[in-house]
Protein backbone atom coordinates (compact mmCIF):
# COMPACT_ATOMS: atom_id res chain seq x y z
CA UNK A 1 0.09 -0.50 0.27
CA UNK A 2 1.47 3.66 -1.17
CA UNK A 3 1.77 6.53 0.64
CA UNK A 4 0.16 10.08 0.00
CA UNK A 5 2.19 12.46 -2.49
CA UNK A 6 1.86 15.56 0.50
CA UNK A 7 4.15 13.09 3.10
CA UNK A 8 6.81 12.15 -0.09
CA UNK A 9 6.79 16.03 -0.67
CA UNK A 10 7.12 17.39 2.68
CA UNK A 11 9.79 14.40 3.39
CA UNK A 12 12.04 14.95 0.48
CA UNK A 13 11.90 19.02 0.81
CA UNK A 14 12.70 19.26 4.56
CA UNK A 15 16.30 17.18 3.45
CA UNK A 16 18.38 19.95 3.45
CA UNK A 17 20.47 19.36 -0.34
CA UNK A 18 23.80 18.09 0.63
CA UNK A 19 27.45 18.75 -0.46
CA UNK A 20 28.95 15.24 -2.40
CA UNK A 21 30.32 12.49 -0.57
CA UNK A 22 32.93 9.98 -0.62
CA UNK A 23 32.55 6.69 -2.19
CA UNK A 24 34.32 3.57 -2.76
CA UNK A 25 37.47 3.60 -4.50
CA UNK A 26 36.13 2.80 -7.37
CA UNK A 27 35.88 4.96 -11.16
CA UNK A 28 32.98 3.87 -12.56
CA UNK A 29 31.76 5.42 -16.77
CA UNK A 30 29.39 8.72 -17.48
CA UNK A 31 26.00 8.13 -18.19
CA UNK A 32 24.64 9.21 -21.20
CA UNK A 33 20.83 9.44 -21.63
CA UNK A 34 19.43 8.36 -25.29
CA UNK A 35 16.15 6.94 -25.88
CA UNK A 36 14.12 4.57 -24.52
CA UNK A 37 12.84 1.92 -26.35
CA UNK A 38 9.38 1.12 -27.56
CA UNK A 39 7.98 -0.59 -24.28
CA UNK A 40 8.68 2.77 -22.46
CA UNK A 41 7.10 5.15 -24.46
CA UNK A 42 6.67 8.22 -22.07
CA UNK A 43 7.44 11.96 -23.43
CA UNK A 44 10.48 13.15 -22.57
CA UNK A 45 11.70 9.72 -20.79
CA UNK A 46 15.51 9.02 -21.21
CA UNK A 47 16.85 5.37 -21.34
CA UNK A 48 20.49 4.60 -19.98
CA UNK A 49 22.99 1.69 -19.43
CA UNK A 50 25.80 1.29 -17.32
CA UNK A 51 28.19 -1.77 -16.90
CA UNK A 52 28.98 -2.85 -13.12
CA UNK A 53 30.78 -6.00 -12.35
CA UNK A 54 28.37 -9.71 -12.29
CA UNK A 55 30.33 -9.92 -8.77
CA UNK A 56 31.26 -6.87 -7.08
CA UNK A 57 33.58 -8.79 -4.99
CA UNK A 58 35.34 -9.39 -8.24
CA UNK A 59 34.72 -6.25 -10.04
CA UNK A 60 36.91 -6.40 -12.77
CA UNK A 61 35.31 -9.68 -13.46
CA UNK A 62 32.49 -10.29 -16.16
CA UNK A 63 30.39 -7.38 -16.51
CA UNK A 64 26.26 -7.43 -16.66
CA UNK A 65 24.33 -4.17 -17.91
CA UNK A 66 22.13 -2.09 -15.85
CA UNK A 67 19.19 -0.51 -17.06
CA UNK A 68 16.93 2.18 -16.53
CA UNK A 69 15.01 5.31 -16.86
CA UNK A 70 15.05 9.06 -16.19
CA UNK A 71 12.14 11.68 -15.80
CA UNK A 72 13.96 14.38 -15.38
CA UNK A 73 13.78 17.70 -13.51
CA UNK A 74 10.89 19.96 -14.94
CA UNK A 75 12.77 23.06 -13.67
CA UNK A 76 16.36 22.05 -13.80
CA UNK A 77 17.44 25.97 -12.62
CA UNK A 78 15.67 24.82 -9.36
CA UNK A 79 16.42 21.04 -9.80
CA UNK A 80 17.07 19.20 -6.23
CA UNK A 81 18.77 16.19 -7.11
CA UNK A 82 17.94 12.43 -8.31
CA UNK A 83 14.77 10.79 -6.71
CA UNK A 84 15.27 6.78 -7.27
CA UNK A 85 12.41 5.27 -7.19
CA UNK A 86 11.95 1.32 -6.73
CA UNK A 87 8.48 -0.53 -6.38
CA UNK A 88 9.30 -3.95 -5.00
CA UNK A 89 8.92 -7.49 -5.76
CA UNK A 90 11.64 -8.33 -6.42
CA UNK A 91 11.49 -8.50 -9.87
CA UNK A 92 9.30 -5.34 -10.87
CA UNK A 93 11.18 -2.68 -13.09
CA UNK A 94 11.35 0.94 -11.87
CA UNK A 95 11.62 1.75 -15.35
CA UNK A 96 7.65 0.60 -15.35
CA UNK A 97 7.11 2.67 -12.39
CA UNK A 98 8.48 6.08 -14.30
CA UNK A 99 6.83 5.20 -17.54
CA UNK A 100 3.83 5.12 -15.35
CA UNK A 101 4.27 8.29 -13.35
CA UNK A 102 5.14 9.97 -17.18
CA UNK A 103 2.41 9.18 -18.23
CA UNK A 104 0.35 10.27 -15.04
CA UNK A 105 -1.12 6.75 -13.68
CA UNK A 106 0.39 7.20 -10.28
CA UNK A 107 -0.16 10.26 -8.58
CA UNK A 108 2.43 9.71 -5.47
CA UNK A 109 5.76 11.91 -6.99
CA UNK A 110 3.47 14.91 -7.02
CA UNK A 111 3.81 17.51 -9.41
CA UNK A 112 6.58 19.77 -6.87
CA UNK A 113 8.34 16.79 -7.13
CA UNK A 114 8.30 16.00 -11.06
CA UNK A 115 9.49 19.98 -10.76
CA UNK A 116 12.25 19.49 -8.91
CA UNK A 117 13.56 16.11 -8.58
CA UNK A 118 14.60 13.73 -11.49
CA UNK A 119 12.69 10.76 -11.10
CA UNK A 120 15.18 7.44 -12.16
CA UNK A 121 13.50 3.90 -12.27
CA UNK A 122 16.80 1.60 -11.69
CA UNK A 123 16.21 -1.96 -12.88
CA UNK A 124 17.94 -4.05 -10.65
CA UNK A 125 20.40 -6.96 -12.62
CA UNK A 126 18.08 -10.02 -13.29
CA UNK A 127 15.14 -7.43 -14.37
CA UNK A 128 13.47 -4.91 -17.11
CA UNK A 129 16.21 -3.37 -18.99
CA UNK A 130 18.83 -4.98 -16.88
CA UNK A 131 20.87 -7.84 -17.92
CA UNK A 132 17.97 -10.18 -17.78
CA UNK A 133 16.86 -14.28 -15.88
CA UNK A 134 15.68 -16.64 -18.07
CA UNK A 135 13.95 -19.61 -18.28
CA UNK A 136 12.24 -22.20 -20.16
CA UNK A 137 8.71 -20.69 -20.20
CA UNK A 138 6.93 -24.24 -20.71
CA UNK A 139 8.84 -25.11 -17.71
CA UNK A 140 8.19 -22.08 -15.57
CA UNK A 141 4.43 -22.25 -16.22
CA UNK A 142 3.85 -25.83 -15.91
CA UNK A 143 0.99 -25.95 -12.74
CA UNK A 144 2.96 -27.28 -9.78
CA UNK A 145 1.18 -26.96 -5.71
CA UNK A 146 3.41 -25.69 -3.27
CA UNK A 147 0.68 -27.15 -0.74
CA UNK A 148 1.62 -30.77 -0.92
CA UNK A 149 -0.40 -33.33 1.15
CA UNK A 150 2.52 -36.84 1.48
CA UNK A 151 6.21 -37.35 1.34
CA UNK A 152 5.82 -38.02 -2.71
CA UNK A 153 3.78 -34.52 -3.42
CA UNK A 154 6.57 -32.61 -1.79
CA UNK A 155 9.03 -34.78 -3.86
CA UNK A 156 7.51 -33.69 -6.80
CA UNK A 157 6.86 -30.41 -5.58
CA UNK A 158 10.89 -29.83 -4.66
CA UNK A 159 12.27 -32.14 -8.36
CA UNK A 160 9.69 -29.39 -10.08
CA UNK A 161 12.26 -26.42 -8.31
CA UNK A 162 15.18 -27.70 -8.75
CA UNK A 163 14.59 -29.00 -12.37
CA UNK A 164 13.39 -25.32 -12.69
CA UNK A 165 16.10 -22.98 -11.37
CA UNK A 166 18.49 -25.34 -12.85
CA UNK A 167 16.93 -24.39 -16.10
CA UNK A 168 16.82 -21.00 -15.13
CA UNK A 169 20.95 -21.16 -13.99
CA UNK A 170 21.77 -23.05 -17.77
CA UNK A 171 19.86 -20.09 -19.86
CA UNK A 172 20.96 -17.22 -17.63
CA UNK A 173 24.69 -17.95 -16.23
CA UNK A 174 26.23 -17.10 -13.89
CA UNK A 175 24.04 -13.83 -12.99
CA UNK A 176 21.83 -17.00 -11.33
CA UNK A 177 24.76 -16.76 -8.35
CA UNK A 178 24.89 -12.81 -8.08
CA UNK A 179 21.26 -11.36 -7.74
CA UNK A 180 21.14 -11.06 -3.88
CA UNK A 181 19.82 -7.51 -2.39
CA UNK A 182 24.39 -7.10 -1.65
CA UNK A 183 24.63 -6.73 -5.59
CA UNK A 184 21.39 -4.71 -5.74
CA UNK A 185 22.52 -2.35 -3.35
CA UNK A 186 26.12 -2.02 -4.83
CA UNK A 187 24.61 -1.64 -8.48
CA UNK A 188 22.45 1.36 -7.12
CA UNK A 189 25.61 2.50 -4.86
CA UNK A 190 27.82 2.65 -8.67
CA UNK A 191 25.08 4.05 -10.49
CA UNK A 192 25.00 7.44 -7.69
CA UNK A 193 28.50 7.77 -8.50
CA UNK A 194 28.48 7.53 -12.27
CA UNK A 195 25.22 10.28 -11.84
CA UNK A 196 28.09 12.73 -10.64
CA UNK A 197 28.26 11.35 -6.94
CA UNK A 198 25.28 13.32 -5.21
CA UNK A 199 23.59 11.64 -2.57
CA UNK A 200 20.77 9.51 -2.85
CA UNK A 201 16.86 10.09 -2.76
CA UNK A 202 15.30 6.81 -2.81
CA UNK A 203 11.67 6.19 -2.17
CA UNK A 204 11.63 2.12 -2.29
CA UNK A 205 8.22 0.55 -1.97
CA UNK A 206 7.86 -3.43 -0.51
CA UNK A 207 11.34 -5.73 -1.47
CA UNK A 208 12.42 -1.89 -2.49
CA UNK A 209 12.58 -0.60 1.42
CA UNK A 210 15.07 -3.66 2.19
CA UNK A 211 17.49 -2.47 -0.83
CA UNK A 212 17.11 0.96 0.98
CA UNK A 213 18.17 -0.65 4.13
CA UNK A 214 20.38 -2.66 3.04
CA UNK A 215 21.73 0.39 1.39
CA UNK A 216 21.60 2.62 4.19
CA UNK A 217 24.15 -0.39 5.86
CA UNK A 218 26.86 -0.63 3.82
CA UNK A 219 26.60 3.97 2.66
CA UNK A 220 24.61 5.50 5.67
CA UNK A 221 26.89 8.70 4.87
CA UNK A 222 25.72 8.86 0.74
CA UNK A 223 21.80 9.41 1.78
CA UNK A 224 20.11 12.78 1.68
CA UNK A 225 16.97 11.05 2.67
CA UNK A 226 15.24 8.14 2.27
CA UNK A 227 11.10 7.16 2.12
CA UNK A 228 10.79 2.56 3.37
CA UNK A 229 6.85 2.13 2.79
CA UNK A 230 5.55 -1.17 3.47
CA UNK A 231 8.48 -2.44 4.48
CA UNK A 232 10.47 -6.10 4.25
CA UNK A 233 12.20 -6.79 7.13
CA UNK A 234 15.02 -9.26 6.13
CA UNK A 235 16.06 -10.46 9.57
CA UNK A 236 13.15 -12.80 10.89
CA UNK A 237 12.66 -16.52 11.10
CA UNK A 238 10.66 -18.28 9.10
CA UNK A 239 7.93 -18.88 11.42
CA UNK A 240 7.67 -15.56 12.42
CA UNK A 241 7.77 -14.69 8.97
CA UNK A 242 4.96 -16.46 8.31
CA UNK A 243 2.82 -15.81 10.72
CA UNK A 244 3.40 -12.10 10.44
CA UNK A 245 2.32 -11.81 6.60
CA UNK A 246 -0.47 -14.60 6.97
CA UNK A 247 -1.83 -12.75 9.92
CA UNK A 248 -1.79 -9.96 8.40
CA UNK A 249 -3.65 -11.02 4.82
CA UNK A 250 -5.75 -12.75 6.90
CA UNK A 251 -6.49 -9.09 8.82
CA UNK A 252 -6.22 -7.45 5.51
CA UNK A 253 -8.85 -10.00 3.83
CA UNK A 254 -11.29 -9.75 6.67
CA UNK A 255 -11.66 -5.92 6.46
CA UNK A 256 -11.91 -6.48 2.70
CA UNK A 257 -15.50 -8.35 3.87
CA UNK A 258 -16.57 -6.21 6.00
CA UNK A 259 -16.38 -3.44 3.56
CA UNK A 260 -17.37 -5.12 0.72
CA UNK A 261 -20.35 -6.09 2.40
CA UNK A 262 -21.88 -2.80 3.99
CA UNK A 263 -20.89 -1.06 0.70
CA UNK A 264 -23.73 -0.16 -2.04
CA UNK A 265 -24.06 -2.66 -4.93
CA UNK A 266 -22.34 -0.46 -7.08
CA UNK A 267 -18.72 -0.53 -5.25
CA UNK A 268 -19.04 -3.37 -4.10
CA UNK A 269 -21.45 -6.53 -6.45
CA UNK A 270 -20.82 -8.64 -2.98
CA UNK A 271 -22.53 -6.27 -1.13
CA UNK A 272 -25.37 -6.90 1.62
CA UNK A 273 -24.33 -11.07 1.39
CA UNK A 274 -22.45 -13.61 3.84
CA UNK A 275 -18.90 -12.51 1.69
CA UNK A 276 -16.96 -15.50 4.32
CA UNK A 277 -19.19 -18.61 3.72
CA UNK A 278 -19.72 -17.42 -0.29
CA UNK A 279 -15.61 -17.28 -0.40
CA UNK A 280 -15.39 -20.73 1.68
CA UNK A 281 -17.92 -22.17 -0.45
CA UNK A 282 -15.48 -20.92 -3.49
CA UNK A 283 -12.70 -22.50 -2.17
CA UNK A 284 -14.30 -25.85 -1.91
CA UNK A 285 -16.10 -25.61 -5.10
CA UNK A 286 -12.56 -24.78 -7.00
CA UNK A 287 -10.55 -27.89 -4.86
CA UNK A 288 -13.49 -30.20 -6.49
CA UNK A 289 -12.66 -28.86 -9.89
CA UNK A 290 -10.36 -25.76 -11.07
CA UNK A 291 -12.67 -22.82 -12.22
CA UNK A 292 -12.65 -21.81 -15.82
CA UNK A 293 -10.74 -18.73 -16.84
CA UNK A 294 -12.30 -17.91 -20.11
CA UNK A 295 -10.72 -14.49 -20.41
CA UNK A 296 -6.87 -15.80 -19.56
CA UNK A 297 -5.67 -16.58 -22.93
CA UNK A 298 -2.05 -16.72 -23.05
CA UNK A 299 -1.67 -14.29 -20.26
CA UNK A 300 -2.70 -16.40 -17.52
CA UNK A 301 -3.18 -20.06 -16.55
CA UNK A 302 -6.77 -21.10 -18.15
CA UNK A 303 -8.59 -22.77 -14.74
CA UNK A 304 -7.82 -21.62 -11.35
CA UNK A 305 -8.04 -23.93 -8.40
CA UNK A 306 -8.73 -23.26 -5.11
CA UNK A 307 -4.99 -22.73 -4.12
CA UNK A 308 -4.55 -19.96 -7.05
CA UNK A 309 -7.41 -18.59 -5.19
CA UNK A 310 -5.72 -18.05 -2.06
CA UNK A 311 -2.54 -16.81 -3.56
CA UNK A 312 -4.60 -14.73 -5.95
CA UNK A 313 -6.63 -12.24 -4.05
CA UNK A 314 -3.35 -11.09 -2.24
CA UNK A 315 -2.23 -9.38 -5.03
CA UNK A 316 -6.24 -8.24 -5.26
CA UNK A 317 -6.06 -6.75 -2.13
CA UNK A 318 -2.76 -4.47 -2.10
CA UNK A 319 -4.64 -1.05 -2.84
CA UNK A 320 -7.77 -0.35 -1.83
CA UNK A 321 -8.84 0.81 -5.30
CA UNK A 322 -8.94 -2.41 -6.25
CA UNK A 323 -11.27 -3.85 -3.55
CA UNK A 324 -14.02 -3.37 -6.35
CA UNK A 325 -11.99 -5.48 -8.34
CA UNK A 326 -11.53 -8.38 -6.00
CA UNK A 327 -15.41 -8.15 -5.37
CA UNK A 328 -16.08 -8.85 -8.77
CA UNK A 329 -13.50 -11.24 -9.14
CA UNK A 330 -14.87 -13.53 -6.18
CA UNK A 331 -18.51 -12.53 -7.40
CA UNK A 332 -17.54 -13.67 -11.16
CA UNK A 333 -15.77 -16.89 -9.97
CA UNK A 334 -18.49 -18.19 -8.60
CA UNK A 335 -20.82 -17.71 -11.85
CA UNK A 336 -17.84 -19.89 -13.03
CA UNK A 337 -15.54 -17.51 -14.71
CA UNK A 338 -12.35 -16.87 -12.70
CA UNK A 339 -10.22 -14.75 -14.78
CA UNK A 340 -9.56 -12.23 -12.30
CA UNK A 341 -7.62 -14.86 -10.28
CA UNK A 342 -5.69 -16.73 -12.54
CA UNK A 343 -2.34 -16.97 -11.97
CA UNK A 344 -0.13 -14.72 -15.01
CA UNK A 345 1.79 -16.61 -17.47
CA UNK A 346 5.28 -16.55 -18.63
CA UNK A 347 4.47 -15.85 -22.64
CA UNK A 348 8.00 -14.97 -24.00
CA UNK A 349 8.04 -11.08 -23.86
CA UNK A 350 11.45 -11.21 -22.35
CA UNK A 351 10.90 -7.65 -20.60
CA UNK A 352 7.82 -9.03 -18.95
CA UNK A 353 8.68 -12.93 -18.34
CA UNK A 354 11.58 -11.38 -16.31
CA UNK A 355 9.22 -9.96 -13.82
CA UNK A 356 8.41 -13.54 -13.13
CA UNK A 357 11.81 -15.25 -13.25
CA UNK A 358 13.26 -12.93 -10.98
CA UNK A 359 11.05 -13.14 -8.25
CA UNK A 360 12.31 -16.33 -7.01
CA UNK A 361 15.86 -15.90 -8.28
CA UNK A 362 16.43 -13.15 -6.37
CA UNK A 363 14.36 -14.51 -2.78
CA UNK A 364 15.89 -17.10 -3.01
CA UNK A 365 19.10 -15.49 -2.73
CA UNK A 366 17.88 -13.67 0.81
CA UNK A 367 15.96 -15.78 2.40
CA UNK A 368 16.99 -19.11 1.63
CA UNK A 369 14.91 -21.61 3.44
CA UNK A 370 16.47 -24.34 6.42
CA UNK A 371 13.57 -26.20 7.29
CA UNK A 372 13.60 -28.35 4.12
CA UNK A 373 11.71 -31.98 5.09
CA UNK A 374 7.68 -32.38 4.16
CA UNK A 375 7.20 -32.54 8.27
CA UNK A 376 8.36 -29.23 8.81
CA UNK A 377 6.67 -27.94 5.74
CA UNK A 378 3.45 -29.47 6.97
CA UNK A 379 3.81 -28.20 10.38
CA UNK A 380 3.77 -25.11 9.34
CA UNK A 381 0.98 -25.17 6.93
CA UNK A 382 -0.88 -26.75 10.21
CA UNK A 383 0.23 -24.06 12.16
CA UNK A 384 -0.86 -21.36 9.35
CA UNK A 385 -5.03 -22.54 8.86
CA UNK A 386 -4.87 -22.40 12.47
CA UNK A 387 -4.37 -18.47 12.59
CA UNK A 388 -5.61 -17.51 9.05
CA UNK A 389 -8.27 -19.89 8.21
CA UNK A 390 -9.82 -18.25 5.57
CA UNK A 391 -5.95 -18.54 3.44
CA UNK A 392 -4.26 -20.99 5.00
CA UNK A 393 -1.30 -19.60 5.37
CA UNK A 394 -1.35 -18.47 1.01
CA UNK A 395 1.11 -16.29 0.40
CA UNK A 396 4.38 -14.61 -0.65
CA UNK A 397 6.02 -15.78 2.16
CA UNK A 398 4.95 -19.52 2.49
CA UNK A 399 5.51 -19.50 -1.34
CA UNK A 400 8.95 -18.98 -0.90
CA UNK A 401 9.56 -21.19 1.65
CA UNK A 402 8.19 -24.11 0.17
CA UNK A 403 9.96 -22.98 -3.54
CA UNK A 404 13.09 -22.13 -2.57
CA UNK A 405 13.75 -25.49 -0.50
CA UNK A 406 14.25 -27.03 -4.37
CA UNK A 407 15.85 -23.36 -5.68
CA UNK A 408 19.63 -24.23 -5.78
CA UNK A 409 20.86 -21.35 -4.28
CA UNK A 410 23.61 -19.12 -2.86
CA UNK A 411 22.88 -18.09 -0.13
CA UNK A 412 25.33 -15.03 -0.59
CA UNK A 413 23.16 -12.72 2.15
CA UNK A 414 21.31 -14.33 4.49
CA UNK A 415 18.96 -13.28 7.76
CA UNK A 416 21.01 -11.30 10.02
CA UNK A 417 20.27 -8.69 12.15
CA UNK A 418 22.38 -5.14 11.24
CA UNK A 419 22.10 -2.13 13.32
CA UNK A 420 22.49 1.14 10.82
CA UNK A 421 24.65 4.12 12.20
CA UNK A 422 25.38 7.18 11.01
CA UNK A 423 22.17 7.39 8.40
CA UNK A 424 20.23 10.67 8.06
CA UNK A 425 16.63 10.28 8.97
CA UNK A 426 14.55 7.88 7.54
CA UNK A 427 10.61 7.57 7.04
CA UNK A 428 9.98 4.80 7.91
CA UNK A 429 6.02 4.34 6.78
CA UNK A 430 3.10 1.59 6.89
CA UNK A 431 0.15 0.77 6.45
CA UNK A 432 -2.11 -1.64 9.85
CA UNK A 433 -3.93 -3.19 6.93
CA UNK A 434 -1.66 -4.15 4.22
CA UNK A 435 -2.07 -7.93 2.62
CA UNK A 436 1.86 -8.83 1.82
CA UNK A 437 4.18 -6.66 4.72
CA UNK A 438 3.20 -6.48 8.73
CA UNK A 439 2.77 -3.72 10.59
CA UNK A 440 5.66 -5.64 12.90
CA UNK A 441 7.94 -5.76 10.51
CA UNK A 442 7.94 -1.56 10.06
CA UNK A 443 8.20 -1.49 13.54
CA UNK A 444 11.43 -4.40 13.10
CA UNK A 445 12.50 -1.79 9.87
CA UNK A 446 12.40 0.76 12.06
CA UNK A 447 14.14 0.11 14.86
CA UNK A 448 17.35 -0.57 13.17
CA UNK A 449 18.48 2.60 12.17
CA UNK A 450 20.28 4.31 15.53
CA UNK A 451 22.11 7.07 16.57
């Protein structure tokens, strides 16, 4: 859930313009801005690329490309600096976010920010305009349950993700071993230096908050201002992470049900009905036989099972403005059309597919699953069902903890408690009812910043 424009405006303008700062003893080429590809058709949008090391522990080795897009400040004479935006994921291209800002689709930046700041979206390694993760489409699109019910189905799940990670590794190359957030943070620092060594202004949302906190840990003196919205807390054990997200998703879903029941029919088509009962009956129906998704075409799966409904509703809860859409999605599914709840598929569009592929490739490096037996996963299912009976634990955290059992990863950036010292004041914002990032995580992130 995104913060209101006035908060962004106030925080960015409250920070004092800073002098140039020292950085690591590396020299980077300057960045030359030029036209953007046809996939980013916003007026005035400029794009660029920068070569950086594949592995920052070996900076003289193989290089990869970082792609980025910029909306130049509308009042260059009164320009304050560059505002970097990351919308999360991991896997969502920041260049696409800047495109939407340029087209007027996102209002949280505000006119004054667009007037005084260059707004930059840097696609993290593996994503979008940067060197991308690549995987076989048919293999990626194969349906695989993340809720195994016995040892045999558990082994099938693990073997599938072992095969998938090996396939992505074969098609992508050594980049697969260097997709953790520490590498992403060092890429960001290289771009900052190449742009002239100004101190950074950072707006990170969801996974973008983790980039922000790890940047602040490594480069606290290079920050001018930082806003962290919808926070992902890196240091926590598996049980805490799963239950925190499962319960915040459950609470937000119940809030949606209560809102929908009392709304008018125009706002929510299920108004006046017992939506909890409708939801549970829908899951029973979809468990017996997947519900068709006739409007998917090649973009999403042709039918939807109960597990996919439990996962899919979480995405439609992200913004309250989409709650009417979720109400219609549930209603249509009860009538035999679950298109709006269907799982997105890889389609052969390299830019778009990288959004899907980079998620596991990054997240399994940052949050490796330590408890890898069927007994461990079954215990998580039972515990999550107690605390979140409507969704039974289906969430991004559960997806990570199940899929990453089989996904091969280097474990270069394991969860650990860090104290961030020397940074300016950072604004940490979180919704109480956020289906993906718990308010408790925001409190934990805030506690990392010490004087």
